[in-house]
Protein backbone atom coordinates (compact mmCIF):
# COMPACT_ATOMS: atom_id res chain seq x y z
CA MET A 1 0.57 -38.92 2.49
CA PHE A 2 -0.08 -35.66 0.76
CA ALA A 3 -1.43 -32.28 1.77
CA ARG A 4 -4.92 -31.23 0.74
CA GLN A 5 -6.22 -27.76 0.21
CA ILE A 6 -9.43 -27.14 2.10
CA PRO A 7 -11.74 -24.40 0.83
CA GLY A 8 -11.97 -21.41 3.10
CA ARG A 9 -11.75 -17.66 3.25
CA PRO A 10 -9.00 -16.38 0.93
CA LYS A 11 -6.16 -14.44 2.51
CA ILE A 12 -5.26 -10.99 1.29
CA ALA A 13 -1.56 -10.27 1.11
CA PRO A 14 -0.35 -6.86 2.29
CA VAL A 15 -0.40 -4.15 -0.37
CA VAL A 16 2.93 -2.35 -0.86
CA LEU A 17 2.94 1.18 -2.23
CA LYS A 18 6.13 2.79 -3.52
CA LYS A 19 6.35 6.46 -4.33
CA GLY A 20 8.90 9.09 -5.11
CA TYR A 21 9.15 12.24 -3.06
CA VAL A 22 5.98 14.36 -2.98
CA HIS A 23 5.13 17.39 -0.84
CA SER A 24 2.01 15.84 0.71
CA GLY A 25 2.65 14.13 4.03
CA THR A 26 -0.72 12.32 4.25
CA LEU A 27 0.68 8.77 4.14
CA TRP A 28 3.47 9.67 6.56
CA GLU A 29 1.04 11.18 9.09
CA TRP A 30 -1.13 8.04 8.89
CA MET A 31 1.93 5.86 9.51
CA ARG A 32 3.12 8.12 12.35
CA LYS A 33 -0.22 7.69 14.16
CA THR A 34 0.16 3.92 13.92
CA MET A 35 3.74 4.05 15.26
CA GLU A 36 2.45 6.07 18.22
CA GLY A 37 -0.13 3.39 19.00
CA THR A 38 -3.28 4.83 17.40
CA LEU A 39 -4.81 2.33 14.97
CA ASP A 40 -6.55 4.43 12.32
CA MET A 41 -8.18 2.02 9.88
CA ARG A 42 -9.29 3.64 6.64
CA ASN A 43 -10.89 2.72 3.35
CA VAL A 44 -8.46 3.38 0.49
CA THR A 45 -8.89 3.55 -3.28
CA ILE A 46 -5.92 2.74 -5.51
CA THR A 47 -6.09 3.67 -9.18
CA LEU A 48 -3.56 2.21 -11.61
CA LEU A 49 -2.76 4.55 -14.48
CA ALA A 50 -1.80 3.63 -18.03
CA ASP A 51 1.83 4.04 -19.08
CA ASP A 52 1.05 7.47 -20.56
CA GLY A 53 -0.24 8.62 -17.16
CA GLN A 54 -3.55 9.72 -18.66
CA GLY A 55 -5.99 6.81 -18.70
CA GLU A 56 -7.04 4.56 -15.85
CA MET A 57 -6.33 0.84 -16.18
CA ALA A 58 -7.97 -0.41 -12.98
CA SER A 59 -9.20 0.73 -9.57
CA TYR A 60 -9.39 -1.15 -6.30
CA HIS A 61 -11.18 -0.32 -3.05
CA LEU A 62 -9.31 -1.56 0.03
CA TYR A 63 -11.42 -1.83 3.19
CA SER A 64 -10.34 -1.59 6.84
CA THR A 65 -6.76 -0.77 5.88
CA TRP A 66 -3.89 0.31 8.15
CA PRO A 67 -0.18 0.89 7.59
CA SER A 68 2.07 -1.78 9.10
CA SER A 69 5.52 -1.00 7.71
CA TRP A 70 7.46 1.93 6.29
CA LYS A 71 10.81 2.03 4.51
CA GLY A 72 12.59 5.29 3.93
CA TRP A 73 14.96 6.46 1.30
CA GLN A 74 18.51 5.44 0.59
CA LEU A 75 20.80 8.36 1.27
CA ASP A 76 22.88 7.77 -1.84
CA ALA A 77 22.91 10.60 -4.37
CA ASN A 78 24.17 8.23 -7.09
CA ALA A 79 21.30 5.72 -6.70
CA SER A 80 18.31 6.00 -9.03
CA ASN A 81 15.90 5.19 -6.19
CA ALA A 82 17.40 7.58 -3.64
CA MET A 83 14.10 9.32 -2.85
CA VAL A 84 11.64 6.40 -2.89
CA GLU A 85 9.43 5.65 0.11
CA GLU A 86 7.64 2.35 0.62
CA ILE A 87 4.59 1.76 2.82
CA GLU A 88 2.95 -1.61 3.49
CA LEU A 89 -0.80 -1.73 4.11
CA GLN A 90 -2.70 -4.52 5.84
CA VAL A 91 -6.09 -5.04 4.19
CA ARG A 92 -9.23 -6.77 5.48
CA GLY A 93 -11.25 -6.56 2.26
CA ILE A 94 -10.65 -5.73 -1.38
CA GLU A 95 -12.91 -5.03 -4.35
CA ARG A 96 -11.94 -4.41 -7.97
CA VAL A 97 -14.00 -1.51 -9.24
CA GLN A 98 -12.83 -1.07 -12.81
């Protein structure tokens, strides 16, 4: 016997965003609402920048998105990733724009 793949609707893996410390608390407030039990689904656009930070390489629209996981920073002053936050987004639909 062997397993067969049956065509069907593709699954979209969660999207994980990692960022260094910034003053804006927009992502945190969105996550906080979810932790308090308010599901706030949003449409999100992610733009990938070129290595020089100037040009755009690609853009994606994520539809019916909500945060499902958050990881905070490591409190280690000697670590290079001491101030990196990570947020995981569940996505119902995705479209590549550029």
